[in-house]
Amino acid sequence: MDRLIYTAMSGAKQAFLQQAGVANNLANAASTGYRAMEHKFRAVPVQGRRVAYACLYG
């Protein structure tokens, strides 16, 4: 259960940071010399014994 909460909060944190970046970009779009913030996300494979066990004996 703890891992599920950690995974959910990680996703929520990234969504919050992306929203904050977009808001910052919109607020400063008219500023001279402003460089927009970019948020890029990537998928990370899950590693661990439980995942391997589930894949083998699923």
N, C-alpha and C. Protein backbone atom coordinates (compact mmCIF):
# COMPACT_ATOMS: atom_id res chain seq x y z
N MET A 1 0.82 -1.19 0.00
CA MET A 1 0.00 0.00 0.00
C MET A 1 0.86 1.25 0.00
N ASP A 2 1.97 1.22 0.72
CA ASP A 2 2.84 2.39 0.78
C ASP A 2 3.41 2.72 -0.58
N ARG A 3 3.74 1.71 -1.36
CA ARG A 3 4.28 1.96 -2.70
C ARG A 3 3.23 2.59 -3.61
N LEU A 4 1.99 2.18 -3.45
CA LEU A 4 0.91 2.75 -4.25
C LEU A 4 0.75 4.24 -3.94
N ILE A 5 0.81 4.59 -2.67
CA ILE A 5 0.70 6.00 -2.29
C ILE A 5 1.89 6.79 -2.82
N TYR A 6 3.08 6.22 -2.73
CA TYR A 6 4.28 6.88 -3.25
C TYR A 6 4.16 7.12 -4.75
N THR A 7 3.68 6.12 -5.48
CA THR A 7 3.52 6.25 -6.94
C THR A 7 2.49 7.32 -7.27
N ALA A 8 1.37 7.32 -6.56
CA ALA A 8 0.33 8.32 -6.80
C ALA A 8 0.82 9.72 -6.49
N MET A 9 1.54 9.88 -5.39
CA MET A 9 2.04 11.21 -5.03
C MET A 9 3.14 11.68 -5.98
N SER A 10 3.92 10.76 -6.51
CA SER A 10 4.94 11.14 -7.49
C SER A 10 4.28 11.71 -8.74
N GLY A 11 3.21 11.06 -9.19
CA GLY A 11 2.48 11.56 -10.35
C GLY A 11 1.82 12.89 -10.08
N ALA A 12 1.25 13.04 -8.89
CA ALA A 12 0.60 14.31 -8.53
C ALA A 12 1.63 15.44 -8.44
N LYS A 13 2.80 15.13 -7.91
CA LYS A 13 3.86 16.15 -7.81
C LYS A 13 4.29 16.61 -9.19
N GLN A 14 4.47 15.68 -10.11
CA GLN A 14 4.89 16.04 -11.46
C GLN A 14 3.82 16.86 -12.18
N ALA A 15 2.55 16.50 -11.98
CA ALA A 15 1.46 17.27 -12.58
C ALA A 15 1.44 18.69 -12.01
N PHE A 16 1.66 18.82 -10.71
CA PHE A 16 1.71 20.14 -10.07
C PHE A 16 2.86 20.97 -10.63
N LEU A 17 4.04 20.36 -10.76
CA LEU A 17 5.20 21.10 -11.28
C LEU A 17 4.98 21.53 -12.72
N GLN A 18 4.35 20.67 -13.51
CA GLN A 18 4.07 21.03 -14.90
C GLN A 18 3.08 22.19 -14.95
N GLN A 19 2.06 22.15 -14.11
CA GLN A 19 1.08 23.24 -14.08
C GLN A 19 1.74 24.55 -13.62
N ALA A 20 2.62 24.47 -12.65
CA ALA A 20 3.32 25.66 -12.17
C ALA A 20 4.22 26.23 -13.27
N GLY A 21 4.86 25.35 -14.04
CA GLY A 21 5.70 25.81 -15.15
C GLY A 21 4.90 26.51 -16.23
N VAL A 22 3.75 25.95 -16.56
CA VAL A 22 2.88 26.58 -17.57
C VAL A 22 2.40 27.94 -17.08
N ALA A 23 2.00 28.01 -15.82
CA ALA A 23 1.55 29.29 -15.26
C ALA A 23 2.67 30.33 -15.28
N ASN A 24 3.88 29.90 -14.95
CA ASN A 24 5.03 30.80 -14.97
C ASN A 24 5.32 31.27 -16.40
N ASN A 25 5.23 30.36 -17.35
CA ASN A 25 5.46 30.73 -18.75
C ASN A 25 4.43 31.73 -19.23
N LEU A 26 3.16 31.53 -18.86
CA LEU A 26 2.12 32.46 -19.28
C LEU A 26 2.30 33.83 -18.62
N ALA A 27 2.69 33.84 -17.38
CA ALA A 27 2.85 35.11 -16.66
C ALA A 27 4.01 35.92 -17.21
N ASN A 28 5.04 35.26 -17.71
CA ASN A 28 6.24 35.96 -18.16
C ASN A 28 6.42 35.95 -19.67
N ALA A 29 5.39 35.59 -20.41
CA ALA A 29 5.51 35.47 -21.86
C ALA A 29 5.88 36.80 -22.53
N ALA A 30 5.41 37.91 -21.98
CA ALA A 30 5.66 39.21 -22.59
C ALA A 30 6.98 39.83 -22.14
N SER A 31 7.68 39.22 -21.19
CA SER A 31 8.93 39.78 -20.69
C SER A 31 10.04 39.64 -21.73
N THR A 32 10.85 40.67 -21.86
CA THR A 32 11.95 40.64 -22.81
C THR A 32 13.03 39.68 -22.32
N GLY A 33 13.45 38.80 -23.19
CA GLY A 33 14.53 37.87 -22.88
C GLY A 33 14.14 36.70 -22.00
N TYR A 34 12.86 36.50 -21.79
CA TYR A 34 12.42 35.39 -20.93
C TYR A 34 12.55 34.06 -21.66
N ARG A 35 13.10 33.09 -20.98
CA ARG A 35 13.21 31.74 -21.55
C ARG A 35 12.19 30.85 -20.85
N ALA A 36 11.38 30.21 -21.65
CA ALA A 36 10.32 29.37 -21.10
C ALA A 36 10.88 28.14 -20.40
N MET A 37 10.18 27.71 -19.35
CA MET A 37 10.54 26.48 -18.66
C MET A 37 9.88 25.31 -19.39
N GLU A 38 10.61 24.25 -19.57
CA GLU A 38 10.05 23.06 -20.21
C GLU A 38 10.11 21.89 -19.24
N HIS A 39 9.02 21.17 -19.16
CA HIS A 39 8.97 19.98 -18.33
C HIS A 39 8.84 18.77 -19.24
N LYS A 40 9.79 17.88 -19.12
CA LYS A 40 9.75 16.66 -19.92
C LYS A 40 9.71 15.47 -18.98
N PHE A 41 8.82 14.56 -19.26
CA PHE A 41 8.67 13.37 -18.44
C PHE A 41 9.03 12.15 -19.26
N ARG A 42 9.49 11.13 -18.58
CA ARG A 42 9.79 9.89 -19.27
C ARG A 42 9.31 8.73 -18.42
N ALA A 43 9.03 7.64 -19.07
CA ALA A 43 8.60 6.45 -18.35
C ALA A 43 9.81 5.74 -17.76
N VAL A 44 9.66 5.25 -16.56
CA VAL A 44 10.73 4.53 -15.89
C VAL A 44 10.23 3.13 -15.58
N PRO A 45 10.96 2.12 -16.03
CA PRO A 45 10.49 0.76 -15.75
C PRO A 45 10.54 0.45 -14.25
N VAL A 46 9.57 -0.31 -13.81
CA VAL A 46 9.51 -0.69 -12.41
C VAL A 46 10.43 -1.88 -12.19
N GLN A 47 11.23 -1.81 -11.14
CA GLN A 47 12.16 -2.89 -10.84
C GLN A 47 11.89 -3.41 -9.45
N GLY A 48 12.12 -4.68 -9.27
CA GLY A 48 11.94 -5.26 -7.96
C GLY A 48 11.56 -6.73 -8.05
N ARG A 49 11.69 -7.44 -6.94
CA ARG A 49 11.39 -8.86 -6.91
C ARG A 49 9.93 -9.15 -7.15
N ARG A 50 9.04 -8.35 -6.60
CA ARG A 50 7.61 -8.61 -6.74
C ARG A 50 7.17 -8.52 -8.20
N VAL A 51 7.71 -7.58 -8.93
CA VAL A 51 7.35 -7.44 -10.34
C VAL A 51 7.83 -8.66 -11.12
N ALA A 52 9.06 -9.08 -10.88
CA ALA A 52 9.59 -10.26 -11.55
C ALA A 52 8.77 -11.49 -11.20
N TYR A 53 8.37 -11.62 -9.94
CA TYR A 53 7.58 -12.77 -9.51
C TYR A 53 6.22 -12.74 -10.22
N ALA A 54 5.60 -11.57 -10.30
CA ALA A 54 4.30 -11.46 -10.94
C ALA A 54 4.40 -11.78 -12.43
N CYS A 55 5.48 -11.40 -13.06
CA CYS A 55 5.64 -11.68 -14.49
C CYS A 55 5.87 -13.17 -14.74
N LEU A 56 6.60 -13.82 -13.85
CA LEU A 56 6.90 -15.23 -14.05
C LEU A 56 5.73 -16.14 -13.67
N TYR A 57 5.04 -15.78 -12.60
CA TYR A 57 4.01 -16.67 -12.07
C TYR A 57 2.61 -16.11 -12.16
N GLY A 58 2.49 -14.89 -12.75
CA GLY A 58 1.29 -14.13 -12.87
C GLY A 58 0.02 -14.81 -12.91
